Amino acid sequence: MAKGYWVAHIDLRDPEAHKSYQAAIAEVFRRHRGRYLVRAGAFESKEGVNRSRNIVVEFPSYQAALDAYRSPEGQAAAAMRQANAETNLLVLEGYDGPQPSE
């Protein structure tokens, strides 16, 4: 089964207020077995318009990624984030098929 991912690009308006979102979303990730793969580290923009922070969270399945976002706790956390940041967020299904090197 293919994994699921959240890919977020974020510009914070209020970094101090964003801390309450981070605490709330940590519980959502724990319940839905999400884990950070990328969390606002260094990046080099090559194409397109970007935001200042990039986040990738892995879930055991696409359904788990959707469930985390749609859960009451996920929606409450999203409202907190939306109040303090501009965000582009995708929920993606991972690819579990053949690779070019195979």
N, C-alpha and C. Protein backbone atom coordinates (compact mmCIF):
# COMPACT_ATOMS: atom_id res chain seq x y z
N MET A 1 0.84 -1.18 0.00
CA MET A 1 0.00 0.00 0.00
C MET A 1 0.89 1.25 0.00
N ALA A 2 0.56 2.19 -0.84
CA ALA A 2 1.33 3.43 -0.95
C ALA A 2 1.11 4.30 0.29
N LYS A 3 2.15 4.99 0.69
CA LYS A 3 2.05 5.92 1.81
C LYS A 3 1.34 7.18 1.38
N GLY A 4 0.95 7.98 2.36
CA GLY A 4 0.34 9.27 2.10
C GLY A 4 1.23 10.37 2.65
N TYR A 5 1.09 11.56 2.09
CA TYR A 5 1.95 12.67 2.48
C TYR A 5 1.16 13.97 2.55
N TRP A 6 1.55 14.80 3.48
CA TRP A 6 1.17 16.21 3.46
C TRP A 6 2.39 16.96 2.98
N VAL A 7 2.21 17.83 2.01
CA VAL A 7 3.27 18.73 1.55
C VAL A 7 2.74 20.14 1.74
N ALA A 8 3.41 20.90 2.60
CA ALA A 8 2.95 22.25 2.93
C ALA A 8 4.06 23.25 2.65
N HIS A 9 3.64 24.40 2.16
CA HIS A 9 4.52 25.54 1.93
C HIS A 9 3.90 26.69 2.71
N ILE A 10 4.65 27.27 3.64
CA ILE A 10 4.07 28.17 4.63
C ILE A 10 4.87 29.46 4.75
N ASP A 11 4.16 30.57 4.87
CA ASP A 11 4.72 31.86 5.30
C ASP A 11 4.02 32.22 6.60
N LEU A 12 4.79 32.30 7.68
CA LEU A 12 4.22 32.64 8.99
C LEU A 12 3.99 34.14 9.10
N ARG A 13 2.83 34.51 9.63
CA ARG A 13 2.56 35.91 9.95
C ARG A 13 2.93 36.20 11.40
N ASP A 14 2.76 35.20 12.26
CA ASP A 14 3.01 35.37 13.69
C ASP A 14 3.68 34.12 14.23
N PRO A 15 5.01 34.08 14.19
CA PRO A 15 5.73 32.87 14.63
C PRO A 15 5.42 32.48 16.08
N GLU A 16 5.21 33.43 16.95
CA GLU A 16 4.91 33.10 18.35
C GLU A 16 3.55 32.41 18.47
N ALA A 17 2.56 32.93 17.79
CA ALA A 17 1.22 32.31 17.82
C ALA A 17 1.23 30.95 17.14
N HIS A 18 2.14 30.73 16.20
CA HIS A 18 2.21 29.46 15.47
C HIS A 18 2.59 28.30 16.39
N LYS A 19 3.19 28.61 17.53
CA LYS A 19 3.59 27.56 18.47
C LYS A 19 2.39 26.77 18.99
N SER A 20 1.25 27.42 19.14
CA SER A 20 0.05 26.70 19.59
C SER A 20 -0.42 25.71 18.52
N TYR A 21 -0.28 26.08 17.25
CA TYR A 21 -0.60 25.15 16.16
C TYR A 21 0.35 23.96 16.20
N GLN A 22 1.62 24.21 16.39
CA GLN A 22 2.60 23.11 16.40
C GLN A 22 2.28 22.10 17.51
N ALA A 23 1.85 22.59 18.65
CA ALA A 23 1.47 21.69 19.74
C ALA A 23 0.23 20.89 19.37
N ALA A 24 -0.75 21.54 18.76
CA ALA A 24 -2.00 20.86 18.39
C ALA A 24 -1.77 19.84 17.28
N ILE A 25 -0.97 20.19 16.29
CA ILE A 25 -0.77 19.27 15.16
C ILE A 25 0.08 18.08 15.57
N ALA A 26 0.93 18.24 16.56
CA ALA A 26 1.73 17.10 17.05
C ALA A 26 0.81 15.98 17.53
N GLU A 27 -0.29 16.32 18.18
CA GLU A 27 -1.24 15.31 18.65
C GLU A 27 -1.94 14.64 17.47
N VAL A 28 -2.28 15.41 16.45
CA VAL A 28 -2.90 14.85 15.24
C VAL A 28 -1.95 13.86 14.59
N PHE A 29 -0.69 14.23 14.47
CA PHE A 29 0.30 13.34 13.85
C PHE A 29 0.47 12.07 14.69
N ARG A 30 0.50 12.21 16.00
CA ARG A 30 0.65 11.04 16.86
C ARG A 30 -0.52 10.08 16.64
N ARG A 31 -1.74 10.59 16.62
CA ARG A 31 -2.93 9.73 16.47
C ARG A 31 -3.00 9.05 15.11
N HIS A 32 -2.49 9.71 14.08
CA HIS A 32 -2.60 9.18 12.72
C HIS A 32 -1.26 8.68 12.19
N ARG A 33 -0.29 8.57 13.07
CA ARG A 33 1.03 8.03 12.76
C ARG A 33 1.76 8.81 11.66
N GLY A 34 1.63 10.12 11.72
CA GLY A 34 2.38 10.99 10.81
C GLY A 34 3.74 11.30 11.39
N ARG A 35 4.70 11.47 10.49
CA ARG A 35 6.05 11.84 10.95
C ARG A 35 6.68 12.80 9.95
N TYR A 36 7.39 13.77 10.49
CA TYR A 36 8.06 14.75 9.65
C TYR A 36 9.19 14.11 8.86
N LEU A 37 9.21 14.38 7.57
CA LEU A 37 10.36 14.06 6.73
C LEU A 37 11.17 15.32 6.44
N VAL A 38 10.45 16.43 6.30
CA VAL A 38 11.06 17.74 6.07
C VAL A 38 10.33 18.70 7.00
N ARG A 39 11.11 19.52 7.72
CA ARG A 39 10.48 20.46 8.63
C ARG A 39 11.22 21.79 8.60
N ALA A 40 10.95 22.57 7.56
CA ALA A 40 11.43 23.96 7.46
C ALA A 40 12.94 24.08 7.47
N GLY A 41 13.64 23.12 6.92
CA GLY A 41 15.10 23.21 6.83
C GLY A 41 15.53 24.08 5.66
N ALA A 42 16.80 24.05 5.41
CA ALA A 42 17.37 24.82 4.31
C ALA A 42 16.81 24.32 2.98
N PHE A 43 16.64 25.23 2.04
CA PHE A 43 16.22 24.84 0.69
C PHE A 43 16.76 25.85 -0.30
N GLU A 44 16.84 25.42 -1.54
CA GLU A 44 17.27 26.27 -2.63
C GLU A 44 16.18 26.23 -3.69
N SER A 45 15.55 27.35 -3.92
CA SER A 45 14.46 27.43 -4.88
C SER A 45 15.02 27.40 -6.29
N LYS A 46 14.48 26.52 -7.12
CA LYS A 46 14.94 26.39 -8.50
C LYS A 46 13.92 26.91 -9.51
N GLU A 47 12.63 26.76 -9.21
CA GLU A 47 11.60 27.21 -10.15
C GLU A 47 10.36 27.61 -9.37
N GLY A 48 9.60 28.54 -9.94
CA GLY A 48 8.31 28.90 -9.38
C GLY A 48 8.39 29.82 -8.17
N VAL A 49 7.22 30.07 -7.62
CA VAL A 49 7.07 30.93 -6.45
C VAL A 49 7.06 30.04 -5.22
N ASN A 50 7.79 30.44 -4.20
CA ASN A 50 7.92 29.62 -3.01
C ASN A 50 7.56 30.40 -1.76
N ARG A 51 7.31 29.67 -0.70
CA ARG A 51 7.10 30.26 0.61
C ARG A 51 8.35 30.01 1.45
N SER A 52 8.40 30.60 2.61
CA SER A 52 9.63 30.56 3.41
C SER A 52 9.86 29.25 4.15
N ARG A 53 8.81 28.45 4.35
CA ARG A 53 8.95 27.18 5.07
C ARG A 53 8.32 26.06 4.23
N ASN A 54 8.97 24.90 4.22
CA ASN A 54 8.48 23.73 3.50
C ASN A 54 8.41 22.57 4.47
N ILE A 55 7.28 21.86 4.44
CA ILE A 55 7.05 20.76 5.38
C ILE A 55 6.58 19.55 4.57
N VAL A 56 7.12 18.37 4.89
CA VAL A 56 6.63 17.11 4.33
C VAL A 56 6.40 16.16 5.51
N VAL A 57 5.18 15.65 5.60
CA VAL A 57 4.81 14.71 6.66
C VAL A 57 4.37 13.42 6.00
N GLU A 58 4.92 12.30 6.45
CA GLU A 58 4.60 10.99 5.91
C GLU A 58 3.60 10.27 6.82
N PHE A 59 2.62 9.62 6.20
CA PHE A 59 1.63 8.81 6.90
C PHE A 59 1.69 7.39 6.35
N PRO A 60 1.20 6.42 7.10
CA PRO A 60 1.28 5.03 6.63
C PRO A 60 0.48 4.75 5.37
N SER A 61 -0.50 5.61 5.06
CA SER A 61 -1.32 5.43 3.84
C SER A 61 -1.92 6.78 3.44
N TYR A 62 -2.39 6.83 2.22
CA TYR A 62 -3.09 8.03 1.73
C TYR A 62 -4.33 8.27 2.58
N GLN A 63 -5.05 7.20 2.91
CA GLN A 63 -6.25 7.35 3.72
C GLN A 63 -5.92 7.92 5.10
N ALA A 64 -4.82 7.47 5.70
CA ALA A 64 -4.42 8.01 7.00
C ALA A 64 -4.10 9.51 6.90
N ALA A 65 -3.48 9.92 5.80
CA ALA A 65 -3.17 11.34 5.59
C ALA A 65 -4.46 12.16 5.46
N LEU A 66 -5.43 11.62 4.70
CA LEU A 66 -6.73 12.30 4.58
C LEU A 66 -7.46 12.32 5.92
N ASP A 67 -7.45 11.20 6.62
CA ASP A 67 -8.14 11.12 7.92
C ASP A 67 -7.56 12.12 8.91
N ALA A 68 -6.25 12.28 8.91
CA ALA A 68 -5.62 13.24 9.83
C ALA A 68 -6.10 14.64 9.54
N TYR A 69 -6.14 15.01 8.26
CA TYR A 69 -6.59 16.37 7.90
C TYR A 69 -8.07 16.57 8.22
N ARG A 70 -8.88 15.57 7.94
CA ARG A 70 -10.33 15.69 8.09
C ARG A 70 -10.81 15.50 9.53
N SER A 71 -9.97 14.98 10.40
CA SER A 71 -10.39 14.72 11.78
C SER A 71 -10.77 16.03 12.48
N PRO A 72 -11.63 15.96 13.50
CA PRO A 72 -11.97 17.17 14.24
C PRO A 72 -10.73 17.88 14.80
N GLU A 73 -9.76 17.10 15.28
CA GLU A 73 -8.53 17.69 15.80
C GLU A 73 -7.70 18.32 14.68
N GLY A 74 -7.70 17.67 13.53
CA GLY A 74 -6.98 18.21 12.38
C GLY A 74 -7.59 19.51 11.89
N GLN A 75 -8.90 19.57 11.88
CA GLN A 75 -9.58 20.80 11.45
C GLN A 75 -9.39 21.93 12.46
N ALA A 76 -9.39 21.60 13.74
CA ALA A 76 -9.14 22.62 14.77
C ALA A 76 -7.71 23.17 14.62
N ALA A 77 -6.75 22.27 14.39
CA ALA A 77 -5.37 22.71 14.19
C ALA A 77 -5.25 23.55 12.92
N ALA A 78 -5.94 23.15 11.85
CA ALA A 78 -5.90 23.90 10.59
C ALA A 78 -6.39 25.33 10.80
N ALA A 79 -7.45 25.49 11.58
CA ALA A 79 -7.98 26.84 11.85
C ALA A 79 -6.94 27.68 12.58
N MET A 80 -6.21 27.07 13.49
CA MET A 80 -5.15 27.79 14.21
C MET A 80 -4.05 28.21 13.24
N ARG A 81 -3.66 27.30 12.35
CA ARG A 81 -2.61 27.61 11.36
C ARG A 81 -3.07 28.72 10.43
N GLN A 82 -4.29 28.61 9.94
CA GLN A 82 -4.81 29.59 8.99
C GLN A 82 -4.89 30.99 9.58
N ALA A 83 -5.06 31.08 10.90
CA ALA A 83 -5.12 32.37 11.56
C ALA A 83 -3.76 33.06 11.62
N ASN A 84 -2.68 32.28 11.48
CA ASN A 84 -1.34 32.83 11.69
C ASN A 84 -0.37 32.60 10.54
N ALA A 85 -0.86 32.04 9.41
CA ALA A 85 0.07 31.73 8.32
C ALA A 85 -0.68 31.67 6.99
N GLU A 86 0.05 31.94 5.94
CA GLU A 86 -0.42 31.69 4.58
C GLU A 86 0.14 30.34 4.19
N THR A 87 -0.73 29.43 3.75
CA THR A 87 -0.31 28.06 3.52
C THR A 87 -0.84 27.51 2.21
N ASN A 88 -0.01 26.77 1.52
CA ASN A 88 -0.43 25.88 0.44
C ASN A 88 -0.23 24.48 0.99
N LEU A 89 -1.27 23.65 0.98
CA LEU A 89 -1.17 22.31 1.56
C LEU A 89 -1.76 21.30 0.59
N LEU A 90 -1.00 20.27 0.30
CA LEU A 90 -1.46 19.17 -0.54
C LEU A 90 -1.47 17.90 0.29
N VAL A 91 -2.45 17.04 0.07
CA VAL A 91 -2.44 15.69 0.60
C VAL A 91 -2.24 14.78 -0.61
N LEU A 92 -1.15 14.03 -0.60
CA LEU A 92 -0.75 13.27 -1.78
C LEU A 92 -0.66 11.78 -1.48
N GLU A 93 -0.98 10.98 -2.48
CA GLU A 93 -0.76 9.55 -2.41
C GLU A 93 0.64 9.26 -2.94
N GLY A 94 1.40 8.50 -2.19
CA GLY A 94 2.73 8.12 -2.63
C GLY A 94 2.68 7.15 -3.80
N TYR A 95 3.83 6.94 -4.40
CA TYR A 95 3.96 6.05 -5.54
C TYR A 95 4.64 4.77 -5.08
N ASP A 96 4.05 3.64 -5.45
CA ASP A 96 4.54 2.34 -4.99
C ASP A 96 4.84 1.42 -6.17
N GLY A 97 5.11 2.00 -7.33
CA GLY A 97 5.33 1.21 -8.53
C GLY A 97 6.79 1.12 -8.92
N PRO A 98 7.05 0.63 -10.12
CA PRO A 98 8.42 0.46 -10.59
C PRO A 98 9.16 1.79 -10.68
N GLN A 99 10.44 1.72 -10.49
CA GLN A 99 11.30 2.90 -10.57
C GLN A 99 12.21 2.79 -11.80
N PRO A 100 12.73 3.91 -12.27
CA PRO A 100 13.57 3.89 -13.47
C PRO A 100 14.76 2.95 -13.37
N SER A 101 15.29 2.74 -12.17
CA SER A 101 16.46 1.89 -12.04
C SER A 101 16.11 0.40 -11.99
N GLU A 102 14.85 0.09 -12.01
CA GLU A 102 14.44 -1.33 -11.91
C GLU A 102 14.31 -1.97 -13.27
